[in-house]
Amino acid sequence: MIKVLVTGAFNILHPGHLRLLRFARSCGDRLIVGVISDRLAGLSAHMPEHYRLEGVRSNSWVA
């Protein structure tokens, strides 16, 4: 099984993020996405991490 890891802040899921997730998923059997925490993202986090995580989890390409 090939696992692919993508990380990012994912403030607002936009078409570029969706293309990235779709491509990453096509590169392996399972896509794992890491969402950078509020603590690490600092001022670049425009919305709380639980909302950013919920957006990523709602995508069908993410395991």
Protein backbone atom coordinates (compact mmCIF):
# COMPACT_ATOMS: atom_id res chain seq x y z
CA MET A 1 0.00 0.00 0.00
CA ILE A 2 1.36 3.39 -1.01
CA LYS A 3 0.48 6.26 1.33
CA VAL A 4 0.80 9.88 0.22
CA LEU A 5 1.15 12.76 2.72
CA VAL A 6 0.23 16.38 2.02
CA THR A 7 0.41 19.16 4.62
CA GLY A 8 -0.75 22.75 4.67
CA ALA A 9 -2.75 25.40 6.47
CA PHE A 10 -5.83 24.95 4.21
CA ASN A 11 -7.41 28.21 5.37
CA ILE A 12 -10.07 28.09 2.69
CA LEU A 13 -10.30 25.09 0.38
CA HIS A 14 -10.05 26.52 -3.12
CA PRO A 15 -9.73 24.88 -6.56
CA GLY A 16 -5.94 24.75 -6.27
CA HIS A 17 -6.19 22.75 -3.05
CA LEU A 18 -8.72 20.42 -4.65
CA ARG A 19 -6.46 19.81 -7.65
CA LEU A 20 -3.55 19.11 -5.28
CA LEU A 21 -5.60 16.64 -3.22
CA ARG A 22 -6.93 14.88 -6.34
CA PHE A 23 -3.42 14.58 -7.82
CA ALA A 24 -1.90 13.40 -4.53
CA ARG A 25 -4.62 10.78 -4.15
CA SER A 26 -3.91 9.49 -7.65
CA CYS A 27 -0.26 8.94 -6.67
CA GLY A 28 -1.03 6.28 -4.08
CA ASP A 29 -3.56 4.06 -2.40
CA ARG A 30 -4.28 6.36 0.52
CA LEU A 31 -4.04 10.13 0.97
CA ILE A 32 -3.21 11.49 4.40
CA VAL A 33 -3.52 15.24 4.92
CA GLY A 34 -1.86 17.12 7.77
CA VAL A 35 -3.44 20.44 8.75
CA ILE A 36 -0.99 22.83 10.39
CA SER A 37 -2.09 23.72 13.93
CA ASP A 38 -3.05 27.23 15.00
CA ARG A 39 0.04 27.32 17.19
CA LEU A 40 2.39 26.65 14.29
CA ALA A 41 0.48 28.61 11.65
CA GLY A 42 0.38 31.77 13.77
CA LEU A 43 -1.01 34.75 11.87
CA SER A 44 -1.27 32.77 8.63
CA ALA A 45 -4.21 30.83 10.11
CA HIS A 46 -7.23 32.90 9.08
CA MET A 47 -9.71 30.51 10.68
CA PRO A 48 -9.42 28.13 13.67
CA GLU A 49 -7.82 24.77 12.98
CA HIS A 50 -10.96 22.77 13.79
CA TYR A 51 -12.77 24.51 10.89
CA ARG A 52 -9.81 23.98 8.55
CA LEU A 53 -9.64 20.32 9.57
CA GLU A 54 -13.38 19.88 9.04
CA GLY A 55 -13.06 21.26 5.50
CA VAL A 56 -10.26 18.85 4.63
CA ARG A 57 -12.05 15.88 6.20
CA SER A 58 -15.14 16.57 4.12
CA ASN A 59 -13.18 15.85 0.93
CA SER A 60 -13.73 12.36 -0.45
CA TRP A 61 -10.08 11.95 -1.58
CA VAL A 62 -8.77 12.22 1.98
CA ALA A 63 -8.39 9.01 4.03
